[in-house]
Amino acid sequence: MTVLARRGGQVEQAMNEGARVGDEASSSTSDGSRARLISLAAIAIILLSAGAALLPIAGGVKGSVVIGALLIAAGLAEVFAGMLRGATKAFAVAAGSVTVLAGVIFLLKPTDHLFPNVVLVTAWLIARSAIILVGSGRTGGSVRTWTMLSAGMDLVLAVLLITGLSIATIIVNLFGPTQPMIASFAWVLAASFIVNGLMLLEVAGCERSPD
């Protein structure tokens, strides 16, 4: 009986050890899959930033419609990536949702008048900056640095719009005459998107190597 009990205990210990190793392997696989998906979202946002930067040379496009579509696409990618995050999930999803909302407003109320669009883009930048700045308190290391850079970039862009510093002037000088709204906002979106994409790439890198 003693021998049987001893062997039973050894079998149980081996099963527990196997289960533990299985859980660790599953967790590692889960982290790797999550990192890959976040990377895909980041790359999508960076590609959208390139598209936004090239808008001034695209002829015959409706500015508010294109900008609305870009905001919605980038926002959905950010929401998708945010759903895969841990402690900052709520903040990341909220930031993406604000971007989607701004895009929907652009599509529902298209206008080429500059002032209402300046107000909308500025409100989006300030709201997104505030959300991710608060969320940065739940991150650490390089992820916190990139999160704060993203928040800072959006805030700087908002200040530029508020103070009337014309990004349109730079773009028109480079590409020639273009639609005023696209010239004003194309590089604003591009700058915000690319820093956000780089931040998500850093998040993905940390997911792959949490240590």
C-alpha atoms as a PDB file:
ATOM      1  CA  MET A   1       0.000   0.000   0.000  1.00  0.00           C
ATOM      2  CA  THR A   2       2.822   2.334   0.866  1.00  0.00           C
ATOM      3  CA  VAL A   3       4.510   1.654  -2.479  1.00  0.00           C
ATOM      4  CA  LEU A   4       1.265   2.230  -4.365  1.00  0.00           C
ATOM      5  CA  ALA A   5       0.630   5.458  -2.491  1.00  0.00           C
ATOM      6  CA  ARG A   6       4.157   6.626  -3.233  1.00  0.00           C
ATOM      7  CA  ARG A   7       3.786   5.840  -6.940  1.00  0.00           C
ATOM      8  CA  GLY A   8       0.400   7.543  -6.990  1.00  0.00           C
ATOM      9  CA  GLY A   9       1.960  10.654  -5.494  1.00  0.00           C
ATOM     10  CA  GLN A  10       4.729  10.619  -8.096  1.00  0.00           C
ATOM     11  CA  VAL A  11       2.210  10.291 -10.918  1.00  0.00           C
ATOM     12  CA  GLU A  12       0.158  13.182  -9.536  1.00  0.00           C
ATOM     13  CA  GLN A  13       3.291  15.315  -9.177  1.00  0.00           C
ATOM     14  CA  ALA A  14       4.284  14.548 -12.773  1.00  0.00           C
ATOM     15  CA  MET A  15       0.800  15.456 -14.006  1.00  0.00           C
ATOM     16  CA  ASN A  16       0.866  18.743 -12.108  1.00  0.00           C
ATOM     17  CA  GLU A  17       4.305  19.535 -13.517  1.00  0.00           C
ATOM     18  CA  GLY A  18       3.087  18.745 -17.024  1.00  0.00           C
ATOM     19  CA  ALA A  19       0.067  20.996 -16.564  1.00  0.00           C
ATOM     20  CA  ARG A  20       2.296  23.824 -15.329  1.00  0.00           C
ATOM     21  CA  VAL A  21       4.620  23.513 -18.322  1.00  0.00           C
ATOM     22  CA  GLY A  22       1.589  23.409 -20.618  1.00  0.00           C
ATOM     23  CA  ASP A  23       0.189  26.600 -19.071  1.00  0.00           C
ATOM     24  CA  GLU A  24       3.531  28.360 -19.489  1.00  0.00           C
ATOM     25  CA  ALA A  25       3.761  27.278 -23.136  1.00  0.00           C
ATOM     26  CA  SER A  26       0.189  28.414 -23.749  1.00  0.00           C
ATOM     27  CA  SER A  27       0.914  31.773 -22.119  1.00  0.00           C
ATOM     28  CA  SER A  28       4.064  32.200 -24.236  1.00  0.00           C
ATOM     29  CA  THR A  29       2.126  31.374 -27.408  1.00  0.00           C
ATOM     30  CA  SER A  30      -0.630  33.792 -26.381  1.00  0.00           C
ATOM     31  CA  ASP A  31       1.911  36.579 -25.824  1.00  0.00           C
ATOM     32  CA  GLY A  32       3.506  35.908 -29.195  1.00  0.00           C
ATOM     33  CA  SER A  33       0.167  35.931 -31.022  1.00  0.00           C
ATOM     34  CA  ARG A  34      -0.868  39.124 -29.268  1.00  0.00           C
ATOM     35  CA  ALA A  35       2.422  40.774 -30.198  1.00  0.00           C
ATOM     36  CA  ARG A  36       2.019  39.823 -33.861  1.00  0.00           C
ATOM     37  CA  LEU A  37      -1.523  41.204 -34.002  1.00  0.00           C
ATOM     38  CA  ILE A  38      -0.495  44.467 -32.344  1.00  0.00           C
ATOM     39  CA  SER A  39       2.382  44.740 -34.830  1.00  0.00           C
ATOM     40  CA  LEU A  40      -0.053  44.326 -37.732  1.00  0.00           C
ATOM     41  CA  ALA A  41      -2.240  47.109 -36.342  1.00  0.00           C
ATOM     42  CA  ALA A  42       0.830  49.325 -35.910  1.00  0.00           C
ATOM     43  CA  ILE A  43       1.980  48.724 -39.488  1.00  0.00           C
ATOM     44  CA  ALA A  44      -1.518  49.509 -40.772  1.00  0.00           C
ATOM     45  CA  ILE A  45      -1.508  52.845 -38.917  1.00  0.00           C
ATOM     46  CA  ILE A  46       1.967  53.707 -40.237  1.00  0.00           C
ATOM     47  CA  LEU A  47       0.821  52.951 -43.796  1.00  0.00           C
ATOM     48  CA  LEU A  48      -2.181  55.219 -43.231  1.00  0.00           C
ATOM     49  CA  SER A  49       0.212  57.955 -42.113  1.00  0.00           C
ATOM     50  CA  ALA A  50       2.048  57.625 -45.426  1.00  0.00           C
ATOM     51  CA  GLY A  51      -1.263  57.896 -47.255  1.00  0.00           C
ATOM     52  CA  ALA A  52      -2.180  61.021 -45.297  1.00  0.00           C
ATOM     53  CA  ALA A  53       1.189  62.633 -46.056  1.00  0.00           C
ATOM     54  CA  LEU A  54       0.626  62.063 -49.794  1.00  0.00           C
ATOM     55  CA  LEU A  55      -2.896  63.508 -49.853  1.00  0.00           C
ATOM     56  CA  PRO A  56      -1.747  66.955 -51.049  1.00  0.00           C
ATOM     57  CA  ILE A  57      -0.593  65.491 -54.364  1.00  0.00           C
ATOM     58  CA  ALA A  58      -3.803  63.494 -54.913  1.00  0.00           C
ATOM     59  CA  GLY A  59      -6.030  65.424 -57.274  1.00  0.00           C
ATOM     60  CA  GLY A  60      -9.816  65.322 -57.400  1.00  0.00           C
ATOM     61  CA  VAL A  61     -10.437  64.004 -53.892  1.00  0.00           C
ATOM     62  CA  LYS A  62     -13.023  65.253 -51.420  1.00  0.00           C
ATOM     63  CA  GLY A  63     -10.959  66.363 -48.449  1.00  0.00           C
ATOM     64  CA  SER A  64     -13.440  65.777 -45.635  1.00  0.00           C
ATOM     65  CA  VAL A  65     -14.391  62.324 -46.944  1.00  0.00           C
ATOM     66  CA  VAL A  66     -10.788  61.148 -47.294  1.00  0.00           C
ATOM     67  CA  ILE A  67      -9.751  62.510 -43.906  1.00  0.00           C
ATOM     68  CA  GLY A  68     -12.824  60.959 -42.287  1.00  0.00           C
ATOM     69  CA  ALA A  69     -12.010  57.584 -43.844  1.00  0.00           C
ATOM     70  CA  LEU A  70      -8.387  57.788 -42.680  1.00  0.00           C
ATOM     71  CA  LEU A  71      -9.446  58.624 -39.131  1.00  0.00           C
ATOM     72  CA  ILE A  72     -11.927  55.753 -39.015  1.00  0.00           C
ATOM     73  CA  ALA A  73      -9.403  53.246 -40.379  1.00  0.00           C
ATOM     74  CA  ALA A  74      -6.666  54.345 -37.974  1.00  0.00           C
ATOM     75  CA  GLY A  75      -9.094  54.432 -35.063  1.00  0.00           C
ATOM     76  CA  LEU A  76     -10.356  50.909 -35.742  1.00  0.00           C
ATOM     77  CA  ALA A  77      -6.774  49.635 -35.934  1.00  0.00           C
ATOM     78  CA  GLU A  78      -6.018  51.313 -32.608  1.00  0.00           C
ATOM     79  CA  VAL A  79      -9.158  49.853 -30.999  1.00  0.00           C
ATOM     80  CA  PHE A  80      -8.162  46.396 -32.267  1.00  0.00           C
ATOM     81  CA  ALA A  81      -4.666  46.759 -30.801  1.00  0.00           C
ATOM     82  CA  GLY A  82      -6.093  48.181 -27.593  1.00  0.00           C
ATOM     83  CA  MET A  83      -8.311  45.139 -27.074  1.00  0.00           C
ATOM     84  CA  LEU A  84      -5.137  43.031 -26.932  1.00  0.00           C
ATOM     85  CA  ARG A  85      -3.445  45.102 -24.252  1.00  0.00           C
ATOM     86  CA  GLY A  86      -3.438  44.584 -20.509  1.00  0.00           C
ATOM     87  CA  ALA A  87      -3.607  47.303 -17.860  1.00  0.00           C
ATOM     88  CA  THR A  88      -4.015  50.085 -20.438  1.00  0.00           C
ATOM     89  CA  LYS A  89      -6.730  48.337 -22.449  1.00  0.00           C
ATOM     90  CA  ALA A  90      -9.504  50.778 -21.495  1.00  0.00           C
ATOM     91  CA  PHE A  91      -7.380  53.838 -22.317  1.00  0.00           C
ATOM     92  CA  ALA A  92      -6.110  52.417 -25.621  1.00  0.00           C
ATOM     93  CA  VAL A  93      -9.628  51.483 -26.744  1.00  0.00           C
ATOM     94  CA  ALA A  94     -10.942  54.901 -25.672  1.00  0.00           C
ATOM     95  CA  ALA A  95      -8.232  56.683 -27.684  1.00  0.00           C
ATOM     96  CA  GLY A  96      -9.072  54.648 -30.767  1.00  0.00           C
ATOM     97  CA  SER A  97     -12.793  55.236 -30.260  1.00  0.00           C
ATOM     98  CA  VAL A  98     -12.283  59.007 -30.142  1.00  0.00           C
ATOM     99  CA  THR A  99     -10.419  58.774 -33.456  1.00  0.00           C
ATOM    100  CA  VAL A 100     -13.245  56.737 -35.013  1.00  0.00           C
ATOM    101  CA  LEU A 101     -15.803  59.254 -33.720  1.00  0.00           C
ATOM    102  CA  ALA A 102     -13.901  62.160 -35.290  1.00  0.00           C
ATOM    103  CA  GLY A 103     -13.811  60.286 -38.597  1.00  0.00           C
ATOM    104  CA  VAL A 104     -17.544  59.567 -38.486  1.00  0.00           C
ATOM    105  CA  ILE A 105     -18.291  63.263 -37.882  1.00  0.00           C
ATOM    106  CA  PHE A 106     -16.138  64.149 -40.895  1.00  0.00           C
ATOM    107  CA  LEU A 107     -18.137  61.726 -43.059  1.00  0.00           C
ATOM    108  CA  LEU A 108     -21.579  62.714 -41.737  1.00  0.00           C
ATOM    109  CA  LYS A 109     -20.958  66.448 -41.971  1.00  0.00           C
ATOM    110  CA  PRO A 110     -18.572  66.936 -44.894  1.00  0.00           C
ATOM    111  CA  THR A 111     -17.516  70.529 -45.445  1.00  0.00           C
ATOM    112  CA  ASP A 112     -14.622  72.320 -47.076  1.00  0.00           C
ATOM    113  CA  HIS A 113     -14.905  75.267 -44.705  1.00  0.00           C
ATOM    114  CA  LEU A 114     -11.696  75.433 -42.725  1.00  0.00           C
ATOM    115  CA  PHE A 115     -12.869  76.699 -39.317  1.00  0.00           C
ATOM    116  CA  PRO A 116     -15.270  73.887 -38.277  1.00  0.00           C
ATOM    117  CA  ASN A 117     -12.732  71.304 -39.363  1.00  0.00           C
ATOM    118  CA  VAL A 118      -9.964  73.005 -37.382  1.00  0.00           C
ATOM    119  CA  VAL A 119     -12.200  72.856 -34.307  1.00  0.00           C
ATOM    120  CA  LEU A 120     -12.968  69.161 -34.861  1.00  0.00           C
ATOM    121  CA  VAL A 121      -9.364  68.096 -35.487  1.00  0.00           C
ATOM    122  CA  THR A 122      -8.120  70.149 -32.521  1.00  0.00           C
ATOM    123  CA  ALA A 123     -10.756  68.614 -30.216  1.00  0.00           C
ATOM    124  CA  TRP A 124      -9.768  65.129 -31.404  1.00  0.00           C
ATOM    125  CA  LEU A 125      -6.064  65.774 -30.806  1.00  0.00           C
ATOM    126  CA  ILE A 126      -6.625  67.181 -27.305  1.00  0.00           C
ATOM    127  CA  ALA A 127      -9.005  64.380 -26.295  1.00  0.00           C
ATOM    128  CA  ARG A 128      -6.710  61.635 -27.576  1.00  0.00           C
ATOM    129  CA  SER A 129      -3.666  63.270 -25.971  1.00  0.00           C
ATOM    130  CA  ALA A 130      -5.405  63.461 -22.585  1.00  0.00           C
ATOM    131  CA  ILE A 131      -6.588  59.835 -22.720  1.00  0.00           C
ATOM    132  CA  ILE A 132      -3.235  58.283 -23.575  1.00  0.00           C
ATOM    133  CA  LEU A 133      -1.365  60.598 -21.200  1.00  0.00           C
ATOM    134  CA  VAL A 134      -3.497  59.330 -18.315  1.00  0.00           C
ATOM    135  CA  GLY A 135      -3.059  55.769 -19.577  1.00  0.00           C
ATOM    136  CA  SER A 136       0.717  56.170 -19.642  1.00  0.00           C
ATOM    137  CA  GLY A 137       0.660  56.072 -15.839  1.00  0.00           C
ATOM    138  CA  ARG A 138      -0.152  52.356 -16.051  1.00  0.00           C
ATOM    139  CA  THR A 139       2.795  51.561 -18.313  1.00  0.00           C
ATOM    140  CA  GLY A 140       6.523  51.521 -17.715  1.00  0.00           C
ATOM    141  CA  GLY A 141       9.917  51.653 -19.386  1.00  0.00           C
ATOM    142  CA  SER A 142      10.102  52.279 -23.115  1.00  0.00           C
ATOM    143  CA  VAL A 143       6.341  51.823 -23.586  1.00  0.00           C
ATOM    144  CA  ARG A 144       5.677  54.718 -21.216  1.00  0.00           C
ATOM    145  CA  THR A 145       8.222  56.837 -23.098  1.00  0.00           C
ATOM    146  CA  TRP A 146       6.561  56.175 -26.462  1.00  0.00           C
ATOM    147  CA  THR A 147       3.078  56.650 -25.005  1.00  0.00           C
ATOM    148  CA  MET A 148       4.062  60.051 -23.654  1.00  0.00           C
ATOM    149  CA  LEU A 149       5.679  60.932 -26.989  1.00  0.00           C
ATOM    150  CA  SER A 150       2.427  60.093 -28.761  1.00  0.00           C
ATOM    151  CA  ALA A 151       0.434  62.194 -26.299  1.00  0.00           C
ATOM    152  CA  GLY A 152       2.941  65.029 -26.618  1.00  0.00           C
ATOM    153  CA  MET A 153       2.840  64.933 -30.420  1.00  0.00           C
ATOM    154  CA  ASP A 154      -0.956  65.239 -30.465  1.00  0.00           C
ATOM    155  CA  LEU A 155      -0.840  68.103 -27.971  1.00  0.00           C
ATOM    156  CA  VAL A 156       1.806  69.974 -29.992  1.00  0.00           C
ATOM    157  CA  LEU A 157      -0.236  69.549 -33.173  1.00  0.00           C
ATOM    158  CA  ALA A 158      -3.333  70.841 -31.394  1.00  0.00           C
ATOM    159  CA  VAL A 159      -1.426  73.902 -30.174  1.00  0.00           C
ATOM    160  CA  LEU A 160      -0.168  74.551 -33.709  1.00  0.00           C
ATOM    161  CA  LEU A 161      -3.726  74.529 -35.018  1.00  0.00           C
ATOM    162  CA  ILE A 162      -5.063  76.659 -32.162  1.00  0.00           C
ATOM    163  CA  THR A 163      -2.399  79.325 -32.554  1.00  0.00           C
ATOM    164  CA  GLY A 164      -2.974  79.416 -36.301  1.00  0.00           C
ATOM    165  CA  LEU A 165       0.473  78.220 -37.313  1.00  0.00           C
ATOM    166  CA  SER A 166      -0.293  77.223 -40.898  1.00  0.00           C
ATOM    167  CA  ILE A 167       0.954  73.798 -41.823  1.00  0.00           C
ATOM    168  CA  ALA A 168      -0.838  74.406 -45.112  1.00  0.00           C
ATOM    169  CA  THR A 169       1.775  76.985 -46.088  1.00  0.00           C
ATOM    170  CA  ILE A 170       4.584  74.409 -45.890  1.00  0.00           C
ATOM    171  CA  ILE A 171       2.641  71.857 -47.910  1.00  0.00           C
ATOM    172  CA  VAL A 172       1.582  74.302 -50.614  1.00  0.00           C
ATOM    173  CA  ASN A 173       5.199  75.414 -50.998  1.00  0.00           C
ATOM    174  CA  LEU A 174       6.259  71.799 -51.486  1.00  0.00           C
ATOM    175  CA  PHE A 175       3.424  70.471 -53.633  1.00  0.00           C
ATOM    176  CA  GLY A 176       1.811  73.549 -55.151  1.00  0.00           C
ATOM    177  CA  PRO A 177      -1.807  74.715 -54.723  1.00  0.00           C
ATOM    178  CA  THR A 178      -4.128  72.174 -53.119  1.00  0.00           C
ATOM    179  CA  GLN A 179      -7.418  72.021 -51.263  1.00  0.00           C
ATOM    180  CA  PRO A 180      -7.044  74.189 -48.123  1.00  0.00           C
ATOM    181  CA  MET A 181      -8.429  71.589 -45.743  1.00  0.00           C
ATOM    182  CA  ILE A 182      -6.246  68.765 -47.039  1.00  0.00           C
ATOM    183  CA  ALA A 183      -3.196  71.005 -46.918  1.00  0.00           C
ATOM    184  CA  SER A 184      -3.979  71.953 -43.330  1.00  0.00           C
ATOM    185  CA  PHE A 185      -4.706  68.491 -41.980  1.00  0.00           C
ATOM    186  CA  ALA A 186      -2.833  65.972 -44.136  1.00  0.00           C
ATOM    187  CA  TRP A 187       0.453  66.219 -42.259  1.00  0.00           C
ATOM    188  CA  VAL A 188      -1.321  66.634 -38.903  1.00  0.00           C
ATOM    189  CA  LEU A 189      -2.861  63.201 -39.371  1.00  0.00           C
ATOM    190  CA  ALA A 190       0.398  61.794 -40.749  1.00  0.00           C
ATOM    191  CA  ALA A 191       2.437  62.980 -37.751  1.00  0.00           C
ATOM    192  CA  SER A 192      -0.090  61.709 -35.217  1.00  0.00           C
ATOM    193  CA  PHE A 193      -0.513  58.344 -36.957  1.00  0.00           C
ATOM    194  CA  ILE A 194       3.185  57.577 -37.354  1.00  0.00           C
ATOM    195  CA  VAL A 195       4.067  58.237 -33.706  1.00  0.00           C
ATOM    196  CA  ASN A 196       1.072  56.156 -32.646  1.00  0.00           C
ATOM    197  CA  GLY A 197       2.189  53.331 -34.936  1.00  0.00           C
ATOM    198  CA  LEU A 198       5.721  53.421 -33.559  1.00  0.00           C
ATOM    199  CA  MET A 199       4.349  53.340 -30.029  1.00  0.00           C
ATOM    200  CA  LEU A 200       2.339  50.200 -30.840  1.00  0.00           C
ATOM    201  CA  LEU A 201       5.401  48.559 -32.370  1.00  0.00           C
ATOM    202  CA  GLU A 202       7.208  49.156 -29.074  1.00  0.00           C
ATOM    203  CA  VAL A 203       4.249  47.647 -27.208  1.00  0.00           C
ATOM    204  CA  ALA A 204       4.418  44.596 -29.470  1.00  0.00           C
ATOM    205  CA  GLY A 205       8.168  44.280 -28.870  1.00  0.00           C
ATOM    206  CA  CYS A 206       7.619  44.276 -25.109  1.00  0.00           C
ATOM    207  CA  GLU A 207       4.874  41.650 -25.464  1.00  0.00           C
ATOM    208  CA  ARG A 208       7.397  39.363 -27.192  1.00  0.00           C
ATOM    209  CA  SER A 209      10.021  39.836 -24.484  1.00  0.00           C
ATOM    210  CA  PRO A 210       8.222  40.777 -21.260  1.00  0.00           C
ATOM    211  CA  ASP A 211      11.392  40.321 -19.255  1.00  0.00           C
END
